Amino acid sequence: MRGLRDVVSNVRSRHAGSGKTMLIVGHSMSGARFIQMLANQIPDGRVQLINAKPIDLIEGDPGVFLRE
């Protein structure tokens, strides 16, 4: 989980407030946890990516991503 936290931190520090569109690809448990962490949710497994599934996130406050 520490590595995933580092990735989330990196995405926020490099892209927060940039207005850029990013394609983030994830799979299974780590992909779902990544999406939850970007959305400031506890990575507890409520989001499940059984296979490929598009999930749109928009940036609210800089560095805070919300599910549409």
PDB file of N, CA and C in Angstrom:
ATOM      1  N   MET A   1       0.822  -1.195   0.000  1.00  0.00           N
ATOM      2  CA  MET A   1       0.000   0.000   0.000  1.00  0.00           C
ATOM      3  C   MET A   1       0.869   1.262   0.000  1.00  0.00           C
ATOM      4  N   ARG A   2       2.063   1.183   0.574  1.00  0.00           N
ATOM      5  CA  ARG A   2       2.952   2.344   0.620  1.00  0.00           C
ATOM      6  C   ARG A   2       3.315   2.805  -0.784  1.00  0.00           C
ATOM      7  N   GLY A   3       3.606   1.855  -1.673  1.00  0.00           N
ATOM      8  CA  GLY A   3       3.939   2.197  -3.047  1.00  0.00           C
ATOM      9  C   GLY A   3       2.789   2.899  -3.743  1.00  0.00           C
ATOM     10  N   LEU A   4       1.591   2.457  -3.473  1.00  0.00           N
ATOM     11  CA  LEU A   4       0.405   3.069  -4.055  1.00  0.00           C
ATOM     12  C   LEU A   4       0.216   4.490  -3.525  1.00  0.00           C
ATOM     13  N   ARG A   5       0.475   4.693  -2.249  1.00  0.00           N
ATOM     14  CA  ARG A   5       0.396   6.048  -1.683  1.00  0.00           C
ATOM     15  C   ARG A   5       1.412   6.967  -2.350  1.00  0.00           C
ATOM     16  N   ASP A   6       2.592   6.445  -2.644  1.00  0.00           N
ATOM     17  CA  ASP A   6       3.614   7.237  -3.332  1.00  0.00           C
ATOM     18  C   ASP A   6       3.153   7.636  -4.730  1.00  0.00           C
ATOM     19  N   VAL A   7       2.492   6.723  -5.433  1.00  0.00           N
ATOM     20  CA  VAL A   7       1.991   7.016  -6.777  1.00  0.00           C
ATOM     21  C   VAL A   7       0.914   8.090  -6.709  1.00  0.00           C
ATOM     22  N   VAL A   8      -0.015   7.980  -5.771  1.00  0.00           N
ATOM     23  CA  VAL A   8      -1.076   8.978  -5.607  1.00  0.00           C
ATOM     24  C   VAL A   8      -0.452  10.343  -5.308  1.00  0.00           C
ATOM     25  N   SER A   9       0.513  10.376  -4.420  1.00  0.00           N
ATOM     26  CA  SER A   9       1.197  11.619  -4.078  1.00  0.00           C
ATOM     27  C   SER A   9       1.884  12.217  -5.308  1.00  0.00           C
ATOM     28  N   ASN A  10       2.513  11.368  -6.102  1.00  0.00           N
ATOM     29  CA  ASN A  10       3.195  11.814  -7.310  1.00  0.00           C
ATOM     30  C   ASN A  10       2.202  12.408  -8.312  1.00  0.00           C
ATOM     31  N   VAL A  11       1.079  11.731  -8.530  1.00  0.00           N
ATOM     32  CA  VAL A  11       0.060  12.238  -9.457  1.00  0.00           C
ATOM     33  C   VAL A  11      -0.436  13.596  -8.982  1.00  0.00           C
ATOM     34  N   ARG A  12      -0.712  13.721  -7.703  1.00  0.00           N
ATOM     35  CA  ARG A  12      -1.202  14.995  -7.174  1.00  0.00           C
ATOM     36  C   ARG A  12      -0.155  16.099  -7.316  1.00  0.00           C
ATOM     37  N   SER A  13       1.080  15.800  -6.973  1.00  0.00           N
ATOM     38  CA  SER A  13       2.098  16.848  -7.009  1.00  0.00           C
ATOM     39  C   SER A  13       2.426  17.278  -8.436  1.00  0.00           C
ATOM     40  N   ARG A  14       2.345  16.369  -9.381  1.00  0.00           N
ATOM     41  CA  ARG A  14       2.695  16.697 -10.760  1.00  0.00           C
ATOM     42  C   ARG A  14       1.532  17.263 -11.572  1.00  0.00           C
ATOM     43  N   HIS A  15       0.287  16.920 -11.209  1.00  0.00           N
ATOM     44  CA  HIS A  15      -0.831  17.261 -12.077  1.00  0.00           C
ATOM     45  C   HIS A  15      -1.951  18.070 -11.428  1.00  0.00           C
ATOM     46  N   ALA A  16      -1.955  18.210 -10.121  1.00  0.00           N
ATOM     47  CA  ALA A  16      -3.040  18.946  -9.457  1.00  0.00           C
ATOM     48  C   ALA A  16      -3.109  20.373  -9.977  1.00  0.00           C
ATOM     49  N   GLY A  17      -4.300  20.791 -10.362  1.00  0.00           N
ATOM     50  CA  GLY A  17      -4.499  22.151 -10.824  1.00  0.00           C
ATOM     51  C   GLY A  17      -4.009  22.428 -12.231  1.00  0.00           C
ATOM     52  N   SER A  18      -3.533  21.416 -12.934  1.00  0.00           N
ATOM     53  CA  SER A  18      -2.965  21.632 -14.268  1.00  0.00           C
ATOM     54  C   SER A  18      -4.028  21.758 -15.353  1.00  0.00           C
ATOM     55  N   GLY A  19      -5.234  21.270 -15.090  1.00  0.00           N
ATOM     56  CA  GLY A  19      -6.275  21.285 -16.099  1.00  0.00           C
ATOM     57  C   GLY A  19      -6.099  20.218 -17.166  1.00  0.00           C
ATOM     58  N   LYS A  20      -5.104  19.362 -16.993  1.00  0.00           N
ATOM     59  CA  LYS A  20      -4.847  18.305 -17.965  1.00  0.00           C
ATOM     60  C   LYS A  20      -5.842  17.168 -17.809  1.00  0.00           C
ATOM     61  N   THR A  21      -6.050  16.447 -18.890  1.00  0.00           N
ATOM     62  CA  THR A  21      -6.824  15.222 -18.855  1.00  0.00           C
ATOM     63  C   THR A  21      -5.850  14.069 -18.800  1.00  0.00           C
ATOM     64  N   MET A  22      -6.076  13.134 -17.896  1.00  0.00           N
ATOM     65  CA  MET A  22      -5.175  11.996 -17.748  1.00  0.00           C
ATOM     66  C   MET A  22      -5.951  10.709 -17.955  1.00  0.00           C
ATOM     67  N   LEU A  23      -5.311   9.758 -18.573  1.00  0.00           N
ATOM     68  CA  LEU A  23      -5.856   8.411 -18.669  1.00  0.00           C
ATOM     69  C   LEU A  23      -5.071   7.571 -17.679  1.00  0.00           C
ATOM     70  N   ILE A  24      -5.766   7.074 -16.677  1.00  0.00           N
ATOM     71  CA  ILE A  24      -5.136   6.232 -15.663  1.00  0.00           C
ATOM     72  C   ILE A  24      -5.750   4.849 -15.796  1.00  0.00           C
ATOM     73  N   VAL A  25      -4.915   3.869 -15.960  1.00  0.00           N
ATOM     74  CA  VAL A  25      -5.387   2.508 -16.155  1.00  0.00           C
ATOM     75  C   VAL A  25      -5.048   1.697 -14.914  1.00  0.00           C
ATOM     76  N   GLY A  26      -6.040   1.011 -14.398  1.00  0.00           N
ATOM     77  CA  GLY A  26      -5.833   0.165 -13.238  1.00  0.00           C
ATOM     78  C   GLY A  26      -6.582  -1.137 -13.411  1.00  0.00           C
ATOM     79  N   HIS A  27      -6.221  -2.107 -12.629  1.00  0.00           N
ATOM     80  CA  HIS A  27      -6.866  -3.405 -12.709  1.00  0.00           C
ATOM     81  C   HIS A  27      -6.959  -3.994 -11.318  1.00  0.00           C
ATOM     82  N   SER A  28      -8.042  -4.620 -11.060  1.00  0.00           N
ATOM     83  CA  SER A  28      -8.249  -5.399  -9.847  1.00  0.00           C
ATOM     84  C   SER A  28      -8.086  -4.558  -8.586  1.00  0.00           C
ATOM     85  N   MET A  29      -7.527  -5.145  -7.548  1.00  0.00           N
ATOM     86  CA  MET A  29      -7.503  -4.494  -6.240  1.00  0.00           C
ATOM     87  C   MET A  29      -6.671  -3.224  -6.208  1.00  0.00           C
ATOM     88  N   SER A  30      -5.462  -3.244  -6.730  1.00  0.00           N
ATOM     89  CA  SER A  30      -4.627  -2.047  -6.635  1.00  0.00           C
ATOM     90  C   SER A  30      -5.189  -0.913  -7.485  1.00  0.00           C
ATOM     91  N   GLY A  31      -5.771  -1.221  -8.641  1.00  0.00           N
ATOM     92  CA  GLY A  31      -6.387  -0.176  -9.458  1.00  0.00           C
ATOM     93  C   GLY A  31      -7.572   0.462  -8.758  1.00  0.00           C
ATOM     94  N   ALA A  32      -8.389  -0.356  -8.124  1.00  0.00           N
ATOM     95  CA  ALA A  32      -9.542   0.167  -7.385  1.00  0.00           C
ATOM     96  C   ALA A  32      -9.098   0.999  -6.192  1.00  0.00           C
ATOM     97  N   ARG A  33      -8.091   0.538  -5.475  1.00  0.00           N
ATOM     98  CA  ARG A  33      -7.601   1.294  -4.315  1.00  0.00           C
ATOM     99  C   ARG A  33      -7.007   2.623  -4.763  1.00  0.00           C
ATOM    100  N   PHE A  34      -6.327   2.624  -5.913  1.00  0.00           N
ATOM    101  CA  PHE A  34      -5.742   3.842  -6.465  1.00  0.00           C
ATOM    102  C   PHE A  34      -6.839   4.874  -6.728  1.00  0.00           C
ATOM    103  N   ILE A  35      -7.928   4.449  -7.349  1.00  0.00           N
ATOM    104  CA  ILE A  35      -9.041   5.351  -7.628  1.00  0.00           C
ATOM    105  C   ILE A  35      -9.637   5.877  -6.330  1.00  0.00           C
ATOM    106  N   GLN A  36      -9.809   5.005  -5.345  1.00  0.00           N
ATOM    107  CA  GLN A  36     -10.358   5.449  -4.061  1.00  0.00           C
ATOM    108  C   GLN A  36      -9.436   6.473  -3.401  1.00  0.00           C
ATOM    109  N   MET A  37      -8.139   6.237  -3.463  1.00  0.00           N
ATOM    110  CA  MET A  37      -7.199   7.155  -2.819  1.00  0.00           C
ATOM    111  C   MET A  37      -7.178   8.505  -3.537  1.00  0.00           C
ATOM    112  N   LEU A  38      -7.260   8.514  -4.875  1.00  0.00           N
ATOM    113  CA  LEU A  38      -7.332   9.783  -5.604  1.00  0.00           C
ATOM    114  C   LEU A  38      -8.587  10.554  -5.239  1.00  0.00           C
ATOM    115  N   ALA A  39      -9.674   9.838  -4.951  1.00  0.00           N
ATOM    116  CA  ALA A  39     -10.945  10.463  -4.586  1.00  0.00           C
ATOM    117  C   ALA A  39     -11.041  10.747  -3.082  1.00  0.00           C
ATOM    118  N   ASN A  40      -9.919  10.625  -2.376  1.00  0.00           N
ATOM    119  CA  ASN A  40      -9.875  10.857  -0.920  1.00  0.00           C
ATOM    120  C   ASN A  40     -10.827   9.961  -0.145  1.00  0.00           C
ATOM    121  N   GLN A  41     -10.994   8.742  -0.631  1.00  0.00           N
ATOM    122  CA  GLN A  41     -11.807   7.753   0.072  1.00  0.00           C
ATOM    123  C   GLN A  41     -10.879   6.755   0.758  1.00  0.00           C
ATOM    124  N   ILE A  42     -11.365   6.147   1.807  1.00  0.00           N
ATOM    125  CA  ILE A  42     -10.602   5.087   2.470  1.00  0.00           C
ATOM    126  C   ILE A  42     -10.539   3.904   1.508  1.00  0.00           C
ATOM    127  N   PRO A  43      -9.337   3.402   1.207  1.00  0.00           N
ATOM    128  CA  PRO A  43      -9.219   2.284   0.266  1.00  0.00           C
ATOM    129  C   PRO A  43      -9.678   0.974   0.895  1.00  0.00           C
ATOM    130  N   ASP A  44     -10.997   0.806   0.996  1.00  0.00           N
ATOM    131  CA  ASP A  44     -11.560  -0.312   1.756  1.00  0.00           C
ATOM    132  C   ASP A  44     -12.222  -1.389   0.905  1.00  0.00           C
ATOM    133  N   GLY A  45     -12.167  -1.245  -0.420  1.00  0.00           N
ATOM    134  CA  GLY A  45     -12.710  -2.301  -1.263  1.00  0.00           C
ATOM    135  C   GLY A  45     -14.104  -2.077  -1.779  1.00  0.00           C
ATOM    136  N   ARG A  46     -14.708  -0.911  -1.505  1.00  0.00           N
ATOM    137  CA  ARG A  46     -16.057  -0.665  -2.022  1.00  0.00           C
ATOM    138  C   ARG A  46     -16.061  -0.539  -3.539  1.00  0.00           C
ATOM    139  N   VAL A  47     -14.971  -0.048  -4.112  1.00  0.00           N
ATOM    140  CA  VAL A  47     -14.848   0.008  -5.568  1.00  0.00           C
ATOM    141  C   VAL A  47     -14.193  -1.285  -6.007  1.00  0.00           C
ATOM    142  N   GLN A  48     -14.827  -2.008  -6.906  1.00  0.00           N
ATOM    143  CA  GLN A  48     -14.270  -3.265  -7.398  1.00  0.00           C
ATOM    144  C   GLN A  48     -14.132  -3.188  -8.910  1.00  0.00           C
ATOM    145  N   LEU A  49     -12.937  -3.446  -9.383  1.00  0.00           N
ATOM    146  CA  LEU A  49     -12.692  -3.491 -10.821  1.00  0.00           C
ATOM    147  C   LEU A  49     -12.485  -4.944 -11.194  1.00  0.00           C
ATOM    148  N   ILE A  50     -13.560  -5.607 -11.544  1.00  0.00           N
ATOM    149  CA  ILE A  50     -13.486  -7.018 -11.903  1.00  0.00           C
ATOM    150  C   ILE A  50     -12.709  -7.186 -13.201  1.00  0.00           C
ATOM    151  N   ASN A  51     -12.969  -6.309 -14.150  1.00  0.00           N
ATOM    152  CA  ASN A  51     -12.262  -6.300 -15.421  1.00  0.00           C
ATOM    153  C   ASN A  51     -12.116  -4.836 -15.799  1.00  0.00           C
ATOM    154  N   ALA A  52     -11.948  -4.535 -17.034  1.00  0.00           N
ATOM    155  CA  ALA A  52     -11.826  -3.145 -17.448  1.00  0.00           C
ATOM    156  C   ALA A  52     -13.143  -2.414 -17.213  1.00  0.00           C
ATOM    157  N   LYS A  53     -13.057  -1.244 -16.622  1.00  0.00           N
ATOM    158  CA  LYS A  53     -14.255  -0.462 -16.337  1.00  0.00           C
ATOM    159  C   LYS A  53     -13.874   1.014 -16.353  1.00  0.00           C
ATOM    160  N   PRO A  54     -14.479   1.802 -17.226  1.00  0.00           N
ATOM    161  CA  PRO A  54     -14.152   3.233 -17.227  1.00  0.00           C
ATOM    162  C   PRO A  54     -14.789   3.931 -16.028  1.00  0.00           C
ATOM    163  N   ILE A  55     -13.999   4.712 -15.333  1.00  0.00           N
ATOM    164  CA  ILE A  55     -14.491   5.518 -14.225  1.00  0.00           C
ATOM    165  C   ILE A  55     -13.954   6.923 -14.446  1.00  0.00           C
ATOM    166  N   ASP A  56     -14.851   7.888 -14.542  1.00  0.00           N
ATOM    167  CA  ASP A  56     -14.451   9.271 -14.750  1.00  0.00           C
ATOM    168  C   ASP A  56     -14.248   9.958 -13.415  1.00  0.00           C
ATOM    169  N   LEU A  57     -13.106  10.608 -13.275  1.00  0.00           N
ATOM    170  CA  LEU A  57     -12.823  11.434 -12.115  1.00  0.00           C
ATOM    171  C   LEU A  57     -12.631  12.857 -12.610  1.00  0.00           C
ATOM    172  N   ILE A  58     -13.158  13.823 -11.870  1.00  0.00           N
ATOM    173  CA  ILE A  58     -12.902  15.219 -12.191  1.00  0.00           C
ATOM    174  C   ILE A  58     -12.195  15.840 -10.994  1.00  0.00           C
ATOM    175  N   GLU A  59     -11.387  16.837 -11.271  1.00  0.00           N
ATOM    176  CA  GLU A  59     -10.670  17.484 -10.185  1.00  0.00           C
ATOM    177  C   GLU A  59     -11.545  18.576  -9.597  1.00  0.00           C
ATOM    178  N   GLY A  60     -11.810  18.469  -8.310  1.00  0.00           N
ATOM    179  CA  GLY A  60     -12.537  19.514  -7.587  1.00  0.00           C
ATOM    180  C   GLY A  60     -11.525  20.550  -7.154  1.00  0.00           C
ATOM    181  N   ASP A  61     -11.168  20.559  -5.886  1.00  0.00           N
ATOM    182  CA  ASP A  61     -10.068  21.371  -5.408  1.00  0.00           C
ATOM    183  C   ASP A  61      -8.778  20.794  -5.970  1.00  0.00           C
ATOM    184  N   PRO A  62      -7.719  21.605  -6.114  1.00  0.00           N
ATOM    185  CA  PRO A  62      -6.462  21.059  -6.631  1.00  0.00           C
ATOM    186  C   PRO A  62      -6.000  19.835  -5.856  1.00  0.00           C
ATOM    187  N   GLY A  63      -5.800  18.740  -6.587  1.00  0.00           N
ATOM    188  CA  GLY A  63      -5.333  17.495  -5.978  1.00  0.00           C
ATOM    189  C   GLY A  63      -6.414  16.620  -5.399  1.00  0.00           C
ATOM    190  N   VAL A  64      -7.677  17.056  -5.466  1.00  0.00           N
ATOM    191  CA  VAL A  64      -8.790  16.262  -4.955  1.00  0.00           C
ATOM    192  C   VAL A  64      -9.656  15.855  -6.144  1.00  0.00           C
ATOM    193  N   PHE A  65      -9.719  14.567  -6.395  1.00  0.00           N
ATOM    194  CA  PHE A  65     -10.428  14.040  -7.547  1.00  0.00           C
ATOM    195  C   PHE A  65     -11.726  13.391  -7.093  1.00  0.00           C
ATOM    196  N   LEU A  66     -12.796  13.648  -7.821  1.00  0.00           N
ATOM    197  CA  LEU A  66     -14.124  13.176  -7.452  1.00  0.00           C
ATOM    198  C   LEU A  66     -14.683  12.304  -8.562  1.00  0.00           C
ATOM    199  N   ARG A  67     -15.433  11.285  -8.182  1.00  0.00           N
ATOM    200  CA  ARG A  67     -16.107  10.462  -9.181  1.00  0.00           C
ATOM    201  C   ARG A  67     -17.306  11.219  -9.719  1.00  0.00           C
ATOM    202  N   GLU A  68     -17.449  11.195 -11.052  1.00  0.00           N
ATOM    203  CA  GLU A  68     -18.599  11.859 -11.664  1.00  0.00           C
ATOM    204  C   GLU A  68     -19.844  11.046 -11.460  1.00  0.00           C
TER     205      GLU A  68
END
